N, C-alpha and C. Protein backbone atom coordinates (compact mmCIF):
# COMPACT_ATOMS: atom_id res chain seq x y z
N UNK A 1 -16.35 23.83 40.56
CA UNK A 1 -17.20 23.09 39.65
C UNK A 1 -16.37 22.45 38.55
N UNK A 2 -15.46 23.21 37.97
CA UNK A 2 -14.63 22.69 36.89
C UNK A 2 -13.72 21.58 37.39
N UNK A 3 -13.20 21.76 38.61
CA UNK A 3 -12.31 20.75 39.16
C UNK A 3 -13.06 19.45 39.41
N UNK A 4 -14.28 19.52 39.90
CA UNK A 4 -15.09 18.32 40.14
C UNK A 4 -15.41 17.61 38.84
N UNK A 5 -15.72 18.38 37.82
CA UNK A 5 -16.02 17.80 36.51
C UNK A 5 -14.77 17.13 35.94
N UNK A 6 -13.63 17.77 36.09
CA UNK A 6 -12.37 17.21 35.61
C UNK A 6 -12.05 15.89 36.33
N UNK A 7 -12.21 15.87 37.64
CA UNK A 7 -11.94 14.65 38.40
C UNK A 7 -12.92 13.53 38.04
N UNK A 8 -14.18 13.89 37.82
CA UNK A 8 -15.16 12.89 37.42
C UNK A 8 -14.83 12.31 36.05
N UNK A 9 -14.43 13.18 35.13
CA UNK A 9 -14.06 12.73 33.80
C UNK A 9 -12.81 11.85 33.85
N UNK A 10 -11.84 12.25 34.65
CA UNK A 10 -10.62 11.46 34.80
C UNK A 10 -10.93 10.09 35.40
N UNK A 11 -11.79 10.07 36.39
CA UNK A 11 -12.20 8.80 37.00
C UNK A 11 -12.91 7.90 36.01
N UNK A 12 -13.79 8.48 35.19
CA UNK A 12 -14.51 7.70 34.18
C UNK A 12 -13.55 7.12 33.15
N UNK A 13 -12.55 7.88 32.75
CA UNK A 13 -11.56 7.38 31.79
C UNK A 13 -10.74 6.24 32.38
N UNK A 14 -10.39 6.35 33.64
CA UNK A 14 -9.62 5.28 34.28
C UNK A 14 -10.44 4.00 34.37
N UNK A 15 -11.71 4.12 34.69
CA UNK A 15 -12.58 2.94 34.77
C UNK A 15 -12.73 2.31 33.39
N UNK A 16 -12.92 3.11 32.36
CA UNK A 16 -13.04 2.58 31.00
C UNK A 16 -11.75 1.89 30.56
N UNK A 17 -10.62 2.49 30.89
CA UNK A 17 -9.34 1.88 30.53
C UNK A 17 -9.18 0.54 31.24
N UNK A 18 -9.62 0.48 32.46
CA UNK A 18 -9.54 -0.76 33.22
C UNK A 18 -10.42 -1.83 32.57
N UNK A 19 -11.59 -1.45 32.10
CA UNK A 19 -12.47 -2.40 31.43
C UNK A 19 -11.86 -2.89 30.13
N UNK A 20 -11.20 -2.00 29.41
CA UNK A 20 -10.55 -2.41 28.15
C UNK A 20 -9.44 -3.41 28.43
N UNK A 21 -8.67 -3.16 29.47
CA UNK A 21 -7.60 -4.09 29.83
C UNK A 21 -8.18 -5.44 30.24
N UNK A 22 -9.27 -5.44 30.97
CA UNK A 22 -9.90 -6.69 31.39
C UNK A 22 -10.41 -7.48 30.20
N UNK A 23 -11.03 -6.81 29.24
CA UNK A 23 -11.53 -7.49 28.04
C UNK A 23 -10.37 -8.03 27.21
N UNK A 24 -9.30 -7.26 27.07
CA UNK A 24 -8.13 -7.71 26.32
C UNK A 24 -7.49 -8.92 27.01
N UNK A 25 -7.42 -8.89 28.32
CA UNK A 25 -6.86 -10.01 29.07
C UNK A 25 -7.71 -11.27 28.87
N UNK A 26 -9.01 -11.12 28.89
CA UNK A 26 -9.90 -12.26 28.65
C UNK A 26 -9.71 -12.82 27.25
N UNK A 27 -9.56 -11.94 26.26
CA UNK A 27 -9.36 -12.39 24.89
C UNK A 27 -8.05 -13.16 24.75
N UNK A 28 -7.01 -12.68 25.40
CA UNK A 28 -5.71 -13.37 25.35
C UNK A 28 -5.81 -14.72 26.03
N UNK A 29 -6.53 -14.79 27.13
CA UNK A 29 -6.70 -16.07 27.82
C UNK A 29 -7.44 -17.08 26.96
N UNK A 30 -8.48 -16.63 26.28
CA UNK A 30 -9.24 -17.52 25.40
C UNK A 30 -8.36 -18.00 24.25
N UNK A 31 -7.59 -17.10 23.67
CA UNK A 31 -6.71 -17.47 22.55
C UNK A 31 -5.64 -18.46 23.02
N UNK A 32 -5.07 -18.23 24.19
CA UNK A 32 -4.04 -19.14 24.70
C UNK A 32 -4.62 -20.52 24.98
N UNK A 33 -5.83 -20.57 25.49
CA UNK A 33 -6.49 -21.85 25.73
C UNK A 33 -6.75 -22.58 24.42
N UNK A 34 -7.19 -21.84 23.41
CA UNK A 34 -7.45 -22.46 22.11
C UNK A 34 -6.17 -23.02 21.51
N UNK A 35 -5.07 -22.31 21.63
CA UNK A 35 -3.78 -22.79 21.12
C UNK A 35 -3.35 -24.03 21.87
N UNK A 36 -3.53 -24.04 23.18
CA UNK A 36 -3.15 -25.20 23.98
C UNK A 36 -3.96 -26.43 23.61
N UNK A 37 -5.26 -26.26 23.42
CA UNK A 37 -6.13 -27.38 23.04
C UNK A 37 -5.74 -27.89 21.66
N UNK A 38 -5.47 -26.97 20.73
CA UNK A 38 -5.08 -27.38 19.39
C UNK A 38 -3.77 -28.15 19.41
N UNK A 39 -2.81 -27.70 20.21
CA UNK A 39 -1.53 -28.39 20.31
C UNK A 39 -1.71 -29.79 20.89
N UNK A 40 -2.58 -29.93 21.86
CA UNK A 40 -2.84 -31.24 22.45
C UNK A 40 -3.48 -32.18 21.44
N UNK A 41 -4.42 -31.67 20.66
CA UNK A 41 -5.08 -32.49 19.63
C UNK A 41 -4.07 -32.93 18.58
N UNK A 42 -3.21 -32.02 18.15
CA UNK A 42 -2.21 -32.36 17.14
C UNK A 42 -1.23 -33.38 17.69
N UNK A 43 -0.80 -33.20 18.94
CA UNK A 43 0.13 -34.14 19.55
C UNK A 43 -0.49 -35.53 19.65
N UNK A 44 -1.75 -35.60 20.04
CA UNK A 44 -2.44 -36.88 20.14
C UNK A 44 -2.57 -37.52 18.77
N UNK A 45 -2.89 -36.73 17.76
CA UNK A 45 -3.01 -37.26 16.40
C UNK A 45 -1.68 -37.83 15.92
N UNK A 46 -0.61 -37.13 16.19
CA UNK A 46 0.72 -37.61 15.78
C UNK A 46 1.07 -38.90 16.53
N UNK A 47 0.76 -38.96 17.81
CA UNK A 47 1.04 -40.19 18.57
C UNK A 47 0.24 -41.37 18.03
N UNK A 48 -1.01 -41.16 17.69
CA UNK A 48 -1.85 -42.23 17.15
C UNK A 48 -1.31 -42.67 15.78
N UNK A 49 -0.93 -41.71 14.95
CA UNK A 49 -0.39 -42.05 13.63
C UNK A 49 0.92 -42.82 13.77
N UNK A 50 1.78 -42.41 14.68
CA UNK A 50 3.05 -43.10 14.90
C UNK A 50 2.81 -44.53 15.39
N UNK A 51 1.84 -44.71 16.27
CA UNK A 51 1.53 -46.05 16.75
C UNK A 51 1.00 -46.91 15.62
N UNK A 52 0.20 -46.32 14.73
CA UNK A 52 -0.30 -47.06 13.58
C UNK A 52 0.81 -47.48 12.64
N UNK A 53 1.75 -46.58 12.41
CA UNK A 53 2.89 -46.92 11.55
C UNK A 53 3.73 -48.01 12.19
N UNK A 54 3.97 -47.93 13.48
CA UNK A 54 4.74 -48.96 14.18
C UNK A 54 4.04 -50.30 14.11
N UNK A 55 2.72 -50.31 14.16
CA UNK A 55 1.97 -51.56 14.10
C UNK A 55 2.01 -52.16 12.69
N UNK A 56 1.98 -51.32 11.68
CA UNK A 56 1.97 -51.82 10.30
C UNK A 56 3.36 -52.25 9.85
N UNK A 57 4.36 -51.47 10.19
CA UNK A 57 5.73 -51.77 9.79
C UNK A 57 6.33 -52.67 10.86
N UNK A 58 6.55 -53.92 10.47
CA UNK A 58 7.10 -54.87 11.42
C UNK A 58 8.61 -54.76 11.41
N UNK A 59 9.20 -54.39 12.53
CA UNK A 59 10.64 -54.21 12.63
C UNK A 59 11.23 -55.49 13.25
N UNK A 60 11.81 -56.30 12.42
CA UNK A 60 12.37 -57.57 12.87
C UNK A 60 13.85 -57.42 13.14
N UNK A 61 14.19 -56.77 14.21
CA UNK A 61 15.60 -56.61 14.57
C UNK A 61 16.20 -57.94 15.01
N UNK A 62 15.40 -58.80 15.62
CA UNK A 62 15.90 -60.10 16.07
C UNK A 62 16.29 -60.96 14.88
N UNK A 63 15.52 -60.92 13.79
CA UNK A 63 15.83 -61.71 12.61
C UNK A 63 17.12 -61.23 11.95
N UNK A 64 17.40 -59.93 11.99
CA UNK A 64 18.61 -59.40 11.37
C UNK A 64 19.85 -59.87 12.13
N UNK A 65 19.75 -60.06 13.42
CA UNK A 65 20.90 -60.48 14.23
C UNK A 65 21.29 -61.93 13.97
N UNK A 66 20.32 -62.75 13.58
CA UNK A 66 20.58 -64.16 13.39
C UNK A 66 21.34 -64.46 12.11
N UNK A 67 21.31 -63.55 11.13
CA UNK A 67 21.97 -63.83 9.83
C UNK A 67 23.41 -63.91 9.97
């Protein structure tokens, strides 16, 4: 009787530990996805800002060569 109870308790602990690992893995996946999305948004914002600066600042390299 004691051995059966011990094995049942051990089995229950293993299942609970497995559930904890699964939840932790899901949380890490969500966090990694959020970081990836944030990095993409920041990269896009920087690219748009750089394009705006390039459009506003006229770089006349051809005019400098003619002097």
